[in-house]
Amino acid sequence: MSTEDGTEEAAGGQPASERPVDGMSSETRLANRYGTPKPGMSRRTKTILASVAGAAAVGAAVFMAIPTGAGTVTSKDVGFTIPDASTAVVDFTVTKPTDVTVDCAVQVLNDSYAVVGWKTVRIGPAETGTVSLSVAVRTDSLGVTGGANACWVIDAEQ
């Protein structure tokens, strides 16, 4: 069969130039060349994987929610004063177990966030878990802020 533009058409309405030479469809040729597509995961496998992922998420949440217990030390900055260019007074609280000794690093920063004063303070065992401190720190130049940088537990051997 021939069309107005002179090309031949097959009985199915497909131009002769687009007809497969070997009579196979393109899907069949692709499957022969590359193999058939792998089937997806079964519903059972998906359910098992989702259950395992959910259990792992619950386990991780429980693990993170449990407090670490003894040895936990936290500090909170209360305030600071800058009496002059060579001194700063930093006020902070430390919460720790009553029977441990901790060291806290106190720092003073200038307007460029550079450290201009640094002091380590040792806090021994106390009757209460929270201790308030006011520490004077010498500075190299005028500071604009101060606070407790970090606190950590000291081993008994030191």
Protein backbone atom coordinates (compact mmCIF):
# COMPACT_ATOMS: atom_id res chain seq x y z
CA MET A 1 0.00 0.00 0.00
CA SER A 2 1.30 3.44 -0.86
CA THR A 3 0.52 6.89 0.59
CA GLU A 4 0.30 10.30 -1.04
CA ASP A 5 3.95 11.12 -0.26
CA GLY A 6 5.13 7.91 -1.89
CA THR A 7 6.09 5.87 1.21
CA GLU A 8 4.82 2.36 1.69
CA GLU A 9 2.61 1.45 4.66
CA ALA A 10 2.17 -1.96 6.18
CA ALA A 11 -1.22 -3.41 6.80
CA GLY A 12 -1.09 -2.22 10.43
CA GLY A 13 -0.66 1.44 9.43
CA GLN A 14 3.05 1.52 10.32
CA PRO A 15 5.43 2.95 7.69
CA ALA A 16 7.72 0.34 6.19
CA SER A 17 10.85 2.17 7.37
CA GLU A 18 9.76 1.85 11.02
CA ARG A 19 8.80 -1.82 10.83
CA PRO A 20 11.23 -4.16 12.59
CA VAL A 21 13.17 -6.16 10.06
CA ASP A 22 13.14 -9.32 12.14
CA GLY A 23 9.50 -8.99 13.16
CA MET A 24 10.31 -8.54 16.89
CA SER A 25 9.14 -5.58 18.92
CA SER A 26 11.66 -3.22 20.48
CA GLU A 27 10.85 -4.54 23.97
CA THR A 28 11.65 -8.08 22.84
CA ARG A 29 14.92 -6.99 21.24
CA LEU A 30 15.95 -5.08 24.40
CA ALA A 31 15.09 -8.09 26.56
CA ASN A 32 17.14 -10.36 24.29
CA ARG A 33 20.11 -8.00 24.38
CA TYR A 34 20.14 -6.89 28.04
CA GLY A 35 18.01 -9.50 29.76
CA THR A 36 14.58 -9.15 31.24
CA PRO A 37 14.06 -6.57 33.98
CA LYS A 38 14.43 -7.93 37.49
CA PRO A 39 11.22 -8.15 39.45
CA GLY A 40 10.82 -5.67 42.31
CA MET A 41 10.83 -6.61 45.97
CA SER A 42 7.89 -8.65 47.13
CA ARG A 43 5.33 -7.17 49.48
CA ARG A 44 6.60 -9.45 52.26
CA THR A 45 10.19 -8.22 51.81
CA LYS A 46 9.05 -4.59 51.87
CA THR A 47 7.07 -5.23 55.06
CA ILE A 48 10.05 -6.90 56.74
CA LEU A 49 12.42 -4.08 55.75
CA ALA A 50 9.97 -1.44 56.99
CA SER A 51 9.58 -3.30 60.31
CA VAL A 52 13.35 -3.58 60.79
CA ALA A 53 13.83 0.13 59.97
CA GLY A 54 11.06 1.08 62.39
CA ALA A 55 12.55 -1.05 65.16
CA ALA A 56 15.98 0.49 64.55
CA ALA A 57 14.49 4.00 64.75
CA VAL A 58 12.72 3.20 68.03
CA GLY A 59 15.93 1.68 69.42
CA ALA A 60 17.94 4.76 68.45
CA ALA A 61 15.36 7.07 70.04
CA VAL A 62 15.43 5.07 73.29
CA PHE A 63 19.23 5.04 73.31
CA MET A 64 19.39 8.82 72.91
CA ALA A 65 16.68 9.44 75.51
CA ILE A 66 18.44 7.55 78.31
CA PRO A 67 20.56 9.96 80.36
CA THR A 68 24.24 9.19 80.59
CA GLY A 69 24.13 9.23 84.38
CA ALA A 70 27.21 9.88 86.51
CA GLY A 71 29.92 12.06 85.10
CA THR A 72 27.61 14.49 83.32
CA VAL A 73 28.85 18.05 83.66
CA THR A 74 27.09 21.10 82.27
CA SER A 75 27.83 24.78 82.57
CA LYS A 76 25.63 27.82 82.06
CA ASP A 77 26.84 31.37 81.58
CA VAL A 78 25.15 33.80 83.96
CA GLY A 79 26.91 37.05 83.05
CA PHE A 80 30.14 38.98 82.84
CA THR A 81 31.57 42.39 83.66
CA ILE A 82 34.49 44.18 82.04
CA PRO A 83 35.93 46.53 84.68
CA ASP A 84 38.92 47.58 82.53
CA ALA A 85 40.99 46.58 79.48
CA SER A 86 43.08 44.07 81.45
CA THR A 87 40.39 42.29 83.48
CA ALA A 88 37.05 40.58 83.03
CA VAL A 89 34.85 38.88 85.61
CA VAL A 90 32.84 35.90 84.37
CA ASP A 91 29.87 34.52 86.33
CA PHE A 92 28.63 31.00 85.56
CA THR A 93 27.11 27.91 87.17
CA VAL A 94 28.29 24.32 86.91
CA THR A 95 26.03 21.32 87.45
CA LYS A 96 27.92 18.14 88.28
CA PRO A 97 27.74 15.08 90.50
CA THR A 98 28.51 16.11 94.11
CA ASP A 99 31.44 13.72 94.54
CA VAL A 100 33.53 14.58 91.46
CA THR A 101 36.13 17.22 90.68
CA VAL A 102 35.85 19.14 87.43
CA ASP A 103 37.91 21.71 85.55
CA CYS A 104 36.25 24.50 83.60
CA ALA A 105 37.88 26.65 80.94
CA VAL A 106 36.75 30.27 81.18
CA GLN A 107 37.41 32.56 78.24
CA VAL A 108 37.03 36.23 77.34
CA LEU A 109 36.59 37.32 73.71
CA ASN A 110 37.10 40.67 71.97
CA ASP A 111 34.85 42.22 69.32
CA SER A 112 36.51 40.09 66.60
CA TYR A 113 35.74 36.88 68.59
CA ALA A 114 39.43 36.39 69.32
CA VAL A 115 40.33 34.96 72.72
CA VAL A 116 41.96 37.72 74.81
CA GLY A 117 41.77 35.94 78.18
CA TRP A 118 41.71 32.32 79.31
CA LYS A 119 41.73 30.64 82.70
CA THR A 120 41.13 27.09 83.92
CA VAL A 121 39.27 26.77 87.22
CA ARG A 122 39.14 23.59 89.34
CA ILE A 123 35.91 22.83 91.20
CA GLY A 124 36.12 20.14 93.86
CA PRO A 125 33.41 17.99 95.40
CA ALA A 126 30.53 20.04 96.80
CA GLU A 127 27.44 19.47 98.94
CA THR A 128 25.13 20.55 96.13
CA GLY A 129 25.13 19.49 92.49
CA THR A 130 25.07 23.07 91.16
CA VAL A 131 27.90 25.47 91.99
CA SER A 132 27.90 29.20 91.16
CA LEU A 133 31.25 30.81 90.40
CA SER A 134 32.59 34.28 89.72
CA VAL A 135 36.04 34.16 88.12
CA ALA A 136 38.37 37.09 87.42
CA VAL A 137 40.29 36.62 84.16
CA ARG A 138 43.28 38.71 83.07
CA THR A 139 43.05 39.87 79.46
CA ASP A 140 45.53 41.04 76.82
CA SER A 141 43.15 43.69 75.49
CA LEU A 142 39.61 44.93 76.04
CA GLY A 143 37.14 42.05 76.05
CA VAL A 144 33.50 42.35 75.08
CA THR A 145 32.12 39.00 76.28
CA GLY A 146 33.06 36.13 78.55
CA GLY A 147 31.83 32.71 79.55
CA ALA A 148 32.63 29.13 80.43
CA ASN A 149 33.97 27.46 77.29
CA ALA A 150 33.92 23.84 78.52
CA CYS A 151 33.92 21.75 81.68
CA TRP A 152 35.21 18.20 82.13
CA VAL A 153 35.60 15.59 84.89
CA ILE A 154 39.08 15.21 86.40
CA ASP A 155 40.35 11.69 87.14
CA ALA A 156 40.99 10.83 90.79
CA GLU A 157 44.71 10.17 90.12
CA GLN A 158 45.51 13.77 89.17
